[in-house]
Amino acid sequence: MEECKFIITDPAGIHARPASILVQTANQFVSNIDIVFRERTANLKSIIGVMALGIPVHAVISIRATGADEESAIKAFSEAISEQKLGDRY
C-alpha cells in the first residue's frame, strides 16, 4: 500500500470540478484507490463517494492506493492536486 497526505488549499475545498478530476485520475489505474477524511473512507473511483465526504479548505486528506500500479497512482495524484492548485503535500 502506498499513501500520501495532502492539505486542501482551494477555498472551495473539494467541490464538483476537482472531485471529477480526481475520479478521472483514479480510473486510469487498476489499483484500489481510497480517499480518507476524518476517519471516513471513500472509493476514489466514485464521484458520489468523494462528494459525500464534504472535504473543506484546510482539510488534511490521505490518498491510499493498493495494487499493481500503486506507486504510479500516488505520483499521478500528487501531480493532479498540484496542477489544479487544490492542495499541497502534507
Protein backbone atom coordinates (compact mmCIF):
# COMPACT_ATOMS: atom_id res chain seq x y z
CA MET A 1 0.00 0.00 0.00
CA GLU A 2 1.17 3.49 -0.86
CA GLU A 3 -0.24 6.52 0.95
CA CYS A 4 0.20 10.26 0.65
CA LYS A 5 -1.33 13.08 2.69
CA PHE A 6 -2.41 16.45 1.37
CA ILE A 7 -3.77 19.65 2.86
CA ILE A 8 -6.53 21.21 0.79
CA THR A 9 -5.86 24.86 -0.07
CA ASP A 10 -8.62 25.54 -2.61
CA PRO A 11 -11.01 27.99 -0.85
CA ALA A 12 -13.98 25.91 -2.02
CA GLY A 13 -12.49 22.62 -0.80
CA ILE A 14 -13.03 19.56 -2.98
CA HIS A 15 -16.12 20.54 -4.94
CA ALA A 16 -17.54 19.04 -8.14
CA ARG A 17 -14.82 20.07 -10.63
CA PRO A 18 -11.76 18.91 -8.67
CA ALA A 19 -13.61 15.81 -7.46
CA SER A 20 -14.28 14.93 -11.09
CA ILE A 21 -10.60 15.35 -11.96
CA LEU A 22 -9.55 13.15 -9.04
CA VAL A 23 -12.04 10.44 -10.09
CA GLN A 24 -10.81 10.59 -13.69
CA THR A 25 -7.24 10.22 -12.43
CA ALA A 26 -8.19 7.24 -10.24
CA ASN A 27 -9.93 5.49 -13.13
CA GLN A 28 -6.65 5.40 -15.07
CA PHE A 29 -5.28 2.80 -12.64
CA VAL A 30 -6.12 -0.80 -11.77
CA SER A 31 -5.20 -0.34 -8.10
CA ASN A 32 -7.84 0.15 -5.44
CA ILE A 33 -7.66 3.83 -4.51
CA ASP A 34 -9.33 5.40 -1.50
CA ILE A 35 -9.58 8.91 -0.14
CA VAL A 36 -9.70 9.32 3.64
CA PHE A 37 -11.01 12.36 5.53
CA ARG A 38 -11.80 12.42 9.26
CA GLU A 39 -11.60 8.64 9.54
CA ARG A 40 -14.18 8.26 6.74
CA THR A 41 -13.09 6.45 3.59
CA ALA A 42 -14.48 6.63 0.06
CA ASN A 43 -13.58 4.86 -3.16
CA LEU A 44 -11.78 7.49 -5.22
CA LYS A 45 -13.25 6.00 -8.39
CA SER A 46 -16.74 7.11 -7.26
CA ILE A 47 -17.73 10.78 -7.65
CA ILE A 48 -20.64 10.26 -5.24
CA GLY A 49 -18.33 8.83 -2.59
CA VAL A 50 -15.84 11.67 -2.92
CA MET A 51 -18.51 14.38 -2.82
CA ALA A 52 -20.21 12.75 0.19
CA LEU A 53 -17.09 13.36 2.28
CA GLY A 54 -17.66 17.14 2.06
CA ILE A 55 -13.96 18.00 2.18
CA PRO A 56 -13.45 21.71 3.04
CA VAL A 57 -10.47 24.04 2.75
CA HIS A 58 -7.62 23.31 5.21
CA ALA A 59 -8.70 19.65 5.50
CA VAL A 60 -5.97 17.03 5.67
CA ILE A 61 -6.75 14.05 3.45
CA SER A 62 -4.99 10.81 2.68
CA ILE A 63 -4.97 9.02 -0.64
CA ARG A 64 -4.26 5.30 -0.39
CA ALA A 65 -3.52 3.04 -3.32
CA THR A 66 -3.22 -0.73 -3.17
CA GLY A 67 -2.37 -2.78 -6.22
CA ALA A 68 -0.03 -3.35 -9.13
CA ASP A 69 0.34 0.32 -10.07
CA GLU A 70 0.02 1.92 -6.64
CA GLU A 71 3.25 3.94 -6.86
CA SER A 72 2.28 5.41 -10.23
CA ALA A 73 -1.19 6.23 -8.91
CA ILE A 74 0.14 8.18 -5.92
CA LYS A 75 2.54 10.09 -8.17
CA ALA A 76 -0.32 10.96 -10.54
CA PHE A 77 -2.43 12.28 -7.65
CA SER A 78 0.41 14.43 -6.38
CA GLU A 79 0.73 15.95 -9.84
CA ALA A 80 -3.04 16.38 -10.35
CA ILE A 81 -3.58 18.05 -6.98
CA SER A 82 -0.64 20.39 -7.59
CA GLU A 83 -1.67 21.25 -11.18
CA GLN A 84 -5.26 22.01 -10.12
CA LYS A 85 -3.99 24.14 -7.22
CA LEU A 86 -6.19 22.04 -5.00
CA GLY A 87 -3.67 21.49 -2.23
CA ASP A 88 -0.15 20.69 -1.10
CA ARG A 89 1.58 17.58 0.24
CA TYR A 90 1.29 17.42 3.98
